[in-house]
Amino acid sequence: MIRILLLAILFMLVAHTFWRVVEGIVAGAGSGSTSRRRRSIRPSVKLVKDPVCGTWVTPREEMAVTRGGATHYFCSDACRKNFLRS
């Protein structure tokens, strides 16, 4: 009885592993099938360099200053204030 139970568990593990491999191959081939484990793809965002400290940041309007026709983006309020002082 125990042998049958262990064989059943082993069969389920092998079947699950096989299905995951097939699912990965199909996803890699780009068939467009949806999977509940599929991760969402975010659009890429262009990073800009903070002119004060050199940190690469995502452009945000609340951390931006337009000066001389160019918009500058900052990593923090301290960098933005430092830029405005100069």
PDB file of N, CA and C in Angstrom:
ATOM      1  N   MET A   1       0.821  -1.195   0.000  1.00  0.00           N
ATOM      2  CA  MET A   1       0.000   0.000   0.000  1.00  0.00           C
ATOM      3  C   MET A   1       0.877   1.276   0.000  1.00  0.00           C
ATOM      4  N   ILE A   2       1.912   1.266   0.820  1.00  0.00           N
ATOM      5  CA  ILE A   2       2.804   2.419   0.894  1.00  0.00           C
ATOM      6  C   ILE A   2       3.548   2.585  -0.421  1.00  0.00           C
ATOM      7  N   ARG A   3       3.913   1.472  -1.026  1.00  0.00           N
ATOM      8  CA  ARG A   3       4.630   1.520  -2.296  1.00  0.00           C
ATOM      9  C   ARG A   3       3.786   2.193  -3.378  1.00  0.00           C
ATOM     10  N   ILE A   4       2.520   1.880  -3.424  1.00  0.00           N
ATOM     11  CA  ILE A   4       1.610   2.477  -4.412  1.00  0.00           C
ATOM     12  C   ILE A   4       1.477   3.973  -4.163  1.00  0.00           C
ATOM     13  N   LEU A   5       1.356   4.360  -2.904  1.00  0.00           N
ATOM     14  CA  LEU A   5       1.246   5.778  -2.555  1.00  0.00           C
ATOM     15  C   LEU A   5       2.513   6.534  -2.953  1.00  0.00           C
ATOM     16  N   LEU A   6       3.672   5.968  -2.666  1.00  0.00           N
ATOM     17  CA  LEU A   6       4.932   6.612  -3.041  1.00  0.00           C
ATOM     18  C   LEU A   6       5.099   6.699  -4.557  1.00  0.00           C
ATOM     19  N   LEU A   7       4.690   5.651  -5.274  1.00  0.00           N
ATOM     20  CA  LEU A   7       4.742   5.690  -6.739  1.00  0.00           C
ATOM     21  C   LEU A   7       3.802   6.746  -7.302  1.00  0.00           C
ATOM     22  N   ALA A   8       2.627   6.906  -6.689  1.00  0.00           N
ATOM     23  CA  ALA A   8       1.672   7.926  -7.136  1.00  0.00           C
ATOM     24  C   ALA A   8       2.252   9.329  -6.920  1.00  0.00           C
ATOM     25  N   ILE A   9       2.872   9.548  -5.764  1.00  0.00           N
ATOM     26  CA  ILE A   9       3.487  10.852  -5.487  1.00  0.00           C
ATOM     27  C   ILE A   9       4.626  11.118  -6.459  1.00  0.00           C
ATOM     28  N   LEU A  10       5.449  10.101  -6.705  1.00  0.00           N
ATOM     29  CA  LEU A  10       6.547  10.248  -7.658  1.00  0.00           C
ATOM     30  C   LEU A  10       6.030  10.569  -9.051  1.00  0.00           C
ATOM     31  N   PHE A  11       4.980   9.881  -9.485  1.00  0.00           N
ATOM     32  CA  PHE A  11       4.387  10.142 -10.798  1.00  0.00           C
ATOM     33  C   PHE A  11       3.875  11.584 -10.893  1.00  0.00           C
ATOM     34  N   MET A  12       3.216  12.065  -9.824  1.00  0.00           N
ATOM     35  CA  MET A  12       2.701  13.443  -9.841  1.00  0.00           C
ATOM     36  C   MET A  12       3.847  14.452  -9.916  1.00  0.00           C
ATOM     37  N   LEU A  13       4.943  14.214  -9.202  1.00  0.00           N
ATOM     38  CA  LEU A  13       6.082  15.128  -9.259  1.00  0.00           C
ATOM     39  C   LEU A  13       6.726  15.142 -10.640  1.00  0.00           C
ATOM     40  N   VAL A  14       6.864  13.964 -11.251  1.00  0.00           N
ATOM     41  CA  VAL A  14       7.443  13.894 -12.594  1.00  0.00           C
ATOM     42  C   VAL A  14       6.521  14.578 -13.605  1.00  0.00           C
ATOM     43  N   ALA A  15       5.214  14.342 -13.487  1.00  0.00           N
ATOM     44  CA  ALA A  15       4.263  14.976 -14.401  1.00  0.00           C
ATOM     45  C   ALA A  15       4.282  16.496 -14.242  1.00  0.00           C
ATOM     46  N   HIS A  16       4.349  16.975 -13.018  1.00  0.00           N
ATOM     47  CA  HIS A  16       4.385  18.420 -12.767  1.00  0.00           C
ATOM     48  C   HIS A  16       5.654  19.038 -13.353  1.00  0.00           C
ATOM     49  N   THR A  17       6.782  18.383 -13.147  1.00  0.00           N
ATOM     50  CA  THR A  17       8.050  18.873 -13.687  1.00  0.00           C
ATOM     51  C   THR A  17       8.021  18.889 -15.209  1.00  0.00           C
ATOM     52  N   PHE A  18       7.503  17.829 -15.797  1.00  0.00           N
ATOM     53  CA  PHE A  18       7.396  17.766 -17.247  1.00  0.00           C
ATOM     54  C   PHE A  18       6.523  18.902 -17.773  1.00  0.00           C
ATOM     55  N   TRP A  19       5.404  19.156 -17.120  1.00  0.00           N
ATOM     56  CA  TRP A  19       4.501  20.227 -17.560  1.00  0.00           C
ATOM     57  C   TRP A  19       5.172  21.591 -17.458  1.00  0.00           C
ATOM     58  N   ARG A  20       5.939  21.823 -16.405  1.00  0.00           N
ATOM     59  CA  ARG A  20       6.653  23.100 -16.260  1.00  0.00           C
ATOM     60  C   ARG A  20       7.677  23.290 -17.370  1.00  0.00           C
ATOM     61  N   VAL A  21       8.367  22.213 -17.752  1.00  0.00           N
ATOM     62  CA  VAL A  21       9.347  22.287 -18.838  1.00  0.00           C
ATOM     63  C   VAL A  21       8.642  22.619 -20.148  1.00  0.00           C
ATOM     64  N   VAL A  22       7.529  21.937 -20.428  1.00  0.00           N
ATOM     65  CA  VAL A  22       6.777  22.201 -21.656  1.00  0.00           C
ATOM     66  C   VAL A  22       6.252  23.632 -21.653  1.00  0.00           C
ATOM     67  N   GLU A  23       5.743  24.090 -20.519  1.00  0.00           N
ATOM     68  CA  GLU A  23       5.240  25.466 -20.400  1.00  0.00           C
ATOM     69  C   GLU A  23       6.353  26.477 -20.677  1.00  0.00           C
ATOM     70  N   GLY A  24       7.558  26.219 -20.178  1.00  0.00           N
ATOM     71  CA  GLY A  24       8.694  27.106 -20.416  1.00  0.00           C
ATOM     72  C   GLY A  24       9.115  27.125 -21.871  1.00  0.00           C
ATOM     73  N   ILE A  25       9.078  25.970 -22.520  1.00  0.00           N
ATOM     74  CA  ILE A  25       9.429  25.911 -23.942  1.00  0.00           C
ATOM     75  C   ILE A  25       8.418  26.688 -24.771  1.00  0.00           C
ATOM     76  N   VAL A  26       7.147  26.523 -24.465  1.00  0.00           N
ATOM     77  CA  VAL A  26       6.097  27.234 -25.203  1.00  0.00           C
ATOM     78  C   VAL A  26       6.223  28.737 -24.986  1.00  0.00           C
ATOM     79  N   ALA A  27       6.468  29.165 -23.744  1.00  0.00           N
ATOM     80  CA  ALA A  27       6.628  30.597 -23.460  1.00  0.00           C
ATOM     81  C   ALA A  27       7.868  31.141 -24.154  1.00  0.00           C
ATOM     82  N   GLY A  28       8.946  30.364 -24.183  1.00  0.00           N
ATOM     83  CA  GLY A  28      10.173  30.794 -24.845  1.00  0.00           C
ATOM     84  C   GLY A  28      10.038  30.894 -26.342  1.00  0.00           C
ATOM     85  N   ALA A  29       9.171  30.062 -26.899  1.00  0.00           N
ATOM     86  CA  ALA A  29       8.947  30.089 -28.340  1.00  0.00           C
ATOM     87  C   ALA A  29       8.084  31.275 -28.747  1.00  0.00           C
ATOM     88  N   GLY A  30       7.486  31.946 -27.768  1.00  0.00           N
ATOM     89  CA  GLY A  30       6.690  33.135 -28.058  1.00  0.00           C
ATOM     90  C   GLY A  30       5.362  32.824 -28.696  1.00  0.00           C
ATOM     91  N   SER A  31       4.714  31.787 -28.226  1.00  0.00           N
ATOM     92  CA  SER A  31       3.437  31.406 -28.816  1.00  0.00           C
ATOM     93  C   SER A  31       2.319  32.360 -28.426  1.00  0.00           C
ATOM     94  N   GLY A  32       2.566  33.195 -27.434  1.00  0.00           N
ATOM     95  CA  GLY A  32       1.548  34.157 -27.011  1.00  0.00           C
ATOM     96  C   GLY A  32       0.555  33.581 -26.029  1.00  0.00           C
ATOM     97  N   SER A  33       0.748  32.361 -25.586  1.00  0.00           N
ATOM     98  CA  SER A  33      -0.180  31.785 -24.622  1.00  0.00           C
ATOM     99  C   SER A  33       0.013  32.471 -23.278  1.00  0.00           C
ATOM    100  N   THR A  34      -1.081  32.624 -22.570  1.00  0.00           N
ATOM    101  CA  THR A  34      -0.994  33.273 -21.267  1.00  0.00           C
ATOM    102  C   THR A  34      -0.880  32.211 -20.193  1.00  0.00           C
ATOM    103  N   SER A  35      -0.108  32.523 -19.221  1.00  0.00           N
ATOM    104  CA  SER A  35       0.092  31.637 -18.086  1.00  0.00           C
ATOM    105  C   SER A  35      -0.130  32.428 -16.819  1.00  0.00           C
ATOM    106  N   ARG A  36      -0.641  31.777 -15.813  1.00  0.00           N
ATOM    107  CA  ARG A  36      -0.887  32.501 -14.568  1.00  0.00           C
ATOM    108  C   ARG A  36       0.411  32.902 -13.887  1.00  0.00           C
ATOM    109  N   ARG A  37       1.501  32.255 -14.252  1.00  0.00           N
ATOM    110  CA  ARG A  37       2.805  32.589 -13.682  1.00  0.00           C
ATOM    111  C   ARG A  37       3.572  33.595 -14.521  1.00  0.00           C
ATOM    112  N   ARG A  38       3.020  33.991 -15.613  1.00  0.00           N
ATOM    113  CA  ARG A  38       3.711  34.910 -16.514  1.00  0.00           C
ATOM    114  C   ARG A  38       3.830  36.282 -15.879  1.00  0.00           C
ATOM    115  N   ARG A  39       5.000  36.862 -15.956  1.00  0.00           N
ATOM    116  CA  ARG A  39       5.229  38.181 -15.366  1.00  0.00           C
ATOM    117  C   ARG A  39       4.828  39.269 -16.345  1.00  0.00           C
ATOM    118  N   SER A  40       4.341  40.370 -15.791  1.00  0.00           N
ATOM    119  CA  SER A  40       3.971  41.479 -16.657  1.00  0.00           C
ATOM    120  C   SER A  40       5.235  42.167 -17.156  1.00  0.00           C
ATOM    121  N   ILE A  41       5.166  42.665 -18.355  1.00  0.00           N
ATOM    122  CA  ILE A  41       6.301  43.345 -18.963  1.00  0.00           C
ATOM    123  C   ILE A  41       6.059  44.842 -18.855  1.00  0.00           C
ATOM    124  N   ARG A  42       6.988  45.514 -18.234  1.00  0.00           N
ATOM    125  CA  ARG A  42       6.869  46.963 -18.087  1.00  0.00           C
ATOM    126  C   ARG A  42       7.573  47.657 -19.245  1.00  0.00           C
ATOM    127  N   PRO A  43       7.001  48.753 -19.704  1.00  0.00           N
ATOM    128  CA  PRO A  43       7.703  49.490 -20.751  1.00  0.00           C
ATOM    129  C   PRO A  43       8.974  50.103 -20.174  1.00  0.00           C
ATOM    130  N   SER A  44       9.999  50.177 -20.991  1.00  0.00           N
ATOM    131  CA  SER A  44      11.262  50.724 -20.515  1.00  0.00           C
ATOM    132  C   SER A  44      11.153  52.238 -20.328  1.00  0.00           C
ATOM    133  N   VAL A  45      11.905  52.741 -19.372  1.00  0.00           N
ATOM    134  CA  VAL A  45      11.912  54.171 -19.055  1.00  0.00           C
ATOM    135  C   VAL A  45      13.330  54.670 -19.262  1.00  0.00           C
ATOM    136  N   LYS A  46      13.448  55.769 -19.958  1.00  0.00           N
ATOM    137  CA  LYS A  46      14.762  56.357 -20.176  1.00  0.00           C
ATOM    138  C   LYS A  46      15.219  57.047 -18.892  1.00  0.00           C
ATOM    139  N   LEU A  47      16.407  56.718 -18.440  1.00  0.00           N
ATOM    140  CA  LEU A  47      16.965  57.342 -17.250  1.00  0.00           C
ATOM    141  C   LEU A  47      17.726  58.600 -17.636  1.00  0.00           C
ATOM    142  N   VAL A  48      17.719  59.563 -16.724  1.00  0.00           N
ATOM    143  CA  VAL A  48      18.457  60.808 -16.927  1.00  0.00           C
ATOM    144  C   VAL A  48      19.407  61.002 -15.748  1.00  0.00           C
ATOM    145  N   LYS A  49      20.456  61.759 -15.972  1.00  0.00           N
ATOM    146  CA  LYS A  49      21.482  61.952 -14.946  1.00  0.00           C
ATOM    147  C   LYS A  49      21.209  63.223 -14.148  1.00  0.00           C
ATOM    148  N   ASP A  50      21.234  63.091 -12.840  1.00  0.00           N
ATOM    149  CA  ASP A  50      21.100  64.238 -11.939  1.00  0.00           C
ATOM    150  C   ASP A  50      22.326  65.118 -12.145  1.00  0.00           C
ATOM    151  N   PRO A  51      22.148  66.422 -12.495  1.00  0.00           N
ATOM    152  CA  PRO A  51      23.299  67.283 -12.780  1.00  0.00           C
ATOM    153  C   PRO A  51      24.133  67.634 -11.539  1.00  0.00           C
ATOM    154  N   VAL A  52      23.595  67.410 -10.360  1.00  0.00           N
ATOM    155  CA  VAL A  52      24.327  67.770  -9.140  1.00  0.00           C
ATOM    156  C   VAL A  52      25.197  66.614  -8.660  1.00  0.00           C
ATOM    157  N   CYS A  53      24.600  65.444  -8.444  1.00  0.00           N
ATOM    158  CA  CYS A  53      25.372  64.334  -7.861  1.00  0.00           C
ATOM    159  C   CYS A  53      25.694  63.228  -8.859  1.00  0.00           C
ATOM    160  N   GLY A  54      25.098  63.265 -10.043  1.00  0.00           N
ATOM    161  CA  GLY A  54      25.408  62.277 -11.069  1.00  0.00           C
ATOM    162  C   GLY A  54      24.624  60.984 -10.985  1.00  0.00           C
ATOM    163  N   THR A  55      23.646  60.899 -10.093  1.00  0.00           N
ATOM    164  CA  THR A  55      22.826  59.703  -9.960  1.00  0.00           C
ATOM    165  C   THR A  55      21.880  59.599 -11.148  1.00  0.00           C
ATOM    166  N   TRP A  56      21.683  58.382 -11.646  1.00  0.00           N
ATOM    167  CA  TRP A  56      20.723  58.162 -12.728  1.00  0.00           C
ATOM    168  C   TRP A  56      19.339  58.006 -12.127  1.00  0.00           C
ATOM    169  N   VAL A  57      18.380  58.798 -12.606  1.00  0.00           N
ATOM    170  CA  VAL A  57      17.026  58.808 -12.046  1.00  0.00           C
ATOM    171  C   VAL A  57      15.992  58.699 -13.160  1.00  0.00           C
ATOM    172  N   THR A  58      14.789  58.287 -12.764  1.00  0.00           N
ATOM    173  CA  THR A  58      13.670  58.314 -13.706  1.00  0.00           C
ATOM    174  C   THR A  58      13.095  59.722 -13.698  1.00  0.00           C
ATOM    175  N   PRO A  59      12.761  60.266 -14.852  1.00  0.00           N
ATOM    176  CA  PRO A  59      12.227  61.619 -14.910  1.00  0.00           C
ATOM    177  C   PRO A  59      10.879  61.729 -14.196  1.00  0.00           C
ATOM    178  N   ARG A  60      10.808  62.623 -13.219  1.00  0.00           N
ATOM    179  CA  ARG A  60       9.561  62.902 -12.506  1.00  0.00           C
ATOM    180  C   ARG A  60       9.358  64.408 -12.485  1.00  0.00           C
ATOM    181  N   GLU A  61       8.152  64.824 -12.754  1.00  0.00           N
ATOM    182  CA  GLU A  61       7.853  66.263 -12.843  1.00  0.00           C
ATOM    183  C   GLU A  61       8.070  66.983 -11.513  1.00  0.00           C
ATOM    184  N   GLU A  62       7.791  66.314 -10.396  1.00  0.00           N
ATOM    185  CA  GLU A  62       7.934  66.996  -9.098  1.00  0.00           C
ATOM    186  C   GLU A  62       9.387  67.217  -8.711  1.00  0.00           C
ATOM    187  N   MET A  63      10.313  66.535  -9.380  1.00  0.00           N
ATOM    188  CA  MET A  63      11.742  66.722  -9.123  1.00  0.00           C
ATOM    189  C   MET A  63      12.438  67.313 -10.341  1.00  0.00           C
ATOM    190  N   ALA A  64      11.764  68.203 -11.044  1.00  0.00           N
ATOM    191  CA  ALA A  64      12.322  68.772 -12.268  1.00  0.00           C
ATOM    192  C   ALA A  64      12.411  70.289 -12.170  1.00  0.00           C
ATOM    193  N   VAL A  65      13.383  70.830 -12.888  1.00  0.00           N
ATOM    194  CA  VAL A  65      13.547  72.279 -13.014  1.00  0.00           C
ATOM    195  C   VAL A  65      13.860  72.551 -14.479  1.00  0.00           C
ATOM    196  N   THR A  66      13.148  73.521 -15.058  1.00  0.00           N
ATOM    197  CA  THR A  66      13.431  73.921 -16.430  1.00  0.00           C
ATOM    198  C   THR A  66      14.200  75.226 -16.389  1.00  0.00           C
ATOM    199  N   ARG A  67      15.375  75.184 -17.001  1.00  0.00           N
ATOM    200  CA  ARG A  67      16.231  76.362 -16.999  1.00  0.00           C
ATOM    201  C   ARG A  67      16.905  76.458 -18.371  1.00  0.00           C
ATOM    202  N   GLY A  68      16.772  77.588 -19.021  1.00  0.00           N
ATOM    203  CA  GLY A  68      17.404  77.809 -20.318  1.00  0.00           C
ATOM    204  C   GLY A  68      16.864  76.880 -21.409  1.00  0.00           C
ATOM    205  N   GLY A  69      15.603  76.518 -21.313  1.00  0.00           N
ATOM    206  CA  GLY A  69      14.993  75.642 -22.314  1.00  0.00           C
ATOM    207  C   GLY A  69      15.255  74.164 -22.100  1.00  0.00           C
ATOM    208  N   ALA A  70      16.071  73.817 -21.114  1.00  0.00           N
ATOM    209  CA  ALA A  70      16.366  72.411 -20.826  1.00  0.00           C
ATOM    210  C   ALA A  70      15.745  72.031 -19.483  1.00  0.00           C
ATOM    211  N   THR A  71      15.209  70.840 -19.427  1.00  0.00           N
ATOM    212  CA  THR A  71      14.630  70.341 -18.185  1.00  0.00           C
ATOM    213  C   THR A  71      15.642  69.433 -17.495  1.00  0.00           C
ATOM    214  N   HIS A  72      15.888  69.700 -16.225  1.00  0.00           N
ATOM    215  CA  HIS A  72      16.825  68.923 -15.422  1.00  0.00           C
ATOM    216  C   HIS A  72      16.026  68.165 -14.357  1.00  0.00           C
ATOM    217  N   TYR A  73      16.374  66.890 -14.158  1.00  0.00           N
ATOM    218  CA  TYR A  73      15.691  66.051 -13.172  1.00  0.00           C
ATOM    219  C   TYR A  73      16.659  65.702 -12.051  1.00  0.00           C
ATOM    220  N   PHE A  74      16.124  65.554 -10.826  1.00  0.00           N
ATOM    221  CA  PHE A  74      16.954  65.371  -9.644  1.00  0.00           C
ATOM    222  C   PHE A  74      16.520  64.160  -8.841  1.00  0.00           C
ATOM    223  N   CYS A  75      17.473  63.594  -8.094  1.00  0.00           N
ATOM    224  CA  CYS A  75      17.194  62.418  -7.275  1.00  0.00           C
ATOM    225  C   CYS A  75      16.542  62.791  -5.946  1.00  0.00           C
ATOM    226  N   SER A  76      16.784  64.007  -5.490  1.00  0.00           N
ATOM    227  CA  SER A  76      16.230  64.421  -4.196  1.00  0.00           C
ATOM    228  C   SER A  76      15.965  65.914  -4.200  1.00  0.00           C
ATOM    229  N   ASP A  77      15.231  66.320  -3.191  1.00  0.00           N
ATOM    230  CA  ASP A  77      14.937  67.744  -3.041  1.00  0.00           C
ATOM    231  C   ASP A  77      16.206  68.521  -2.702  1.00  0.00           C
ATOM    232  N   ALA A  78      17.128  67.889  -1.990  1.00  0.00           N
ATOM    233  CA  ALA A  78      18.391  68.557  -1.643  1.00  0.00           C
ATOM    234  C   ALA A  78      19.202  68.867  -2.897  1.00  0.00           C
ATOM    235  N   CYS A  79      19.267  67.935  -3.840  1.00  0.00           N
ATOM    236  CA  CYS A  79      19.995  68.189  -5.089  1.00  0.00           C
ATOM    237  C   CYS A  79      19.303  69.281  -5.899  1.00  0.00           C
ATOM    238  N   ARG A  80      17.972  69.261  -5.908  1.00  0.00           N
ATOM    239  CA  ARG A  80      17.236  70.281  -6.657  1.00  0.00           C
ATOM    240  C   ARG A  80      17.488  71.663  -6.062  1.00  0.00           C
ATOM    241  N   LYS A  81      17.468  71.782  -4.732  1.00  0.00           N
ATOM    242  CA  LYS A  81      17.723  73.067  -4.071  1.00  0.00           C
ATOM    243  C   LYS A  81      19.160  73.527  -4.316  1.00  0.00           C
ATOM    244  N   ASN A  82      20.110  72.594  -4.275  1.00  0.00           N
ATOM    245  CA  ASN A  82      21.507  72.918  -4.534  1.00  0.00           C
ATOM    246  C   ASN A  82      21.672  73.456  -5.968  1.00  0.00           C
ATOM    247  N   PHE A  83      20.992  72.870  -6.918  1.00  0.00           N
ATOM    248  CA  PHE A  83      21.042  73.322  -8.305  1.00  0.00           C
ATOM    249  C   PHE A  83      20.432  74.719  -8.444  1.00  0.00           C
ATOM    250  N   LEU A  84      19.340  74.975  -7.752  1.00  0.00           N
ATOM    251  CA  LEU A  84      18.678  76.285  -7.838  1.00  0.00           C
ATOM    252  C   LEU A  84      19.525  77.385  -7.212  1.00  0.00           C
ATOM    253  N   ARG A  85      20.365  77.054  -6.217  1.00  0.00           N
ATOM    254  CA  ARG A  85      21.234  78.038  -5.583  1.00  0.00           C
ATOM    255  C   ARG A  85      22.364  78.469  -6.516  1.00  0.00           C
ATOM    256  N   SER A  86      22.787  77.606  -7.405  1.00  0.00           N
ATOM    257  CA  SER A  86      23.919  77.937  -8.270  1.00  0.00           C
ATOM    258  C   SER A  86      23.508  78.720  -9.484  1.00  0.00           C
TER     259      SER A  86
END
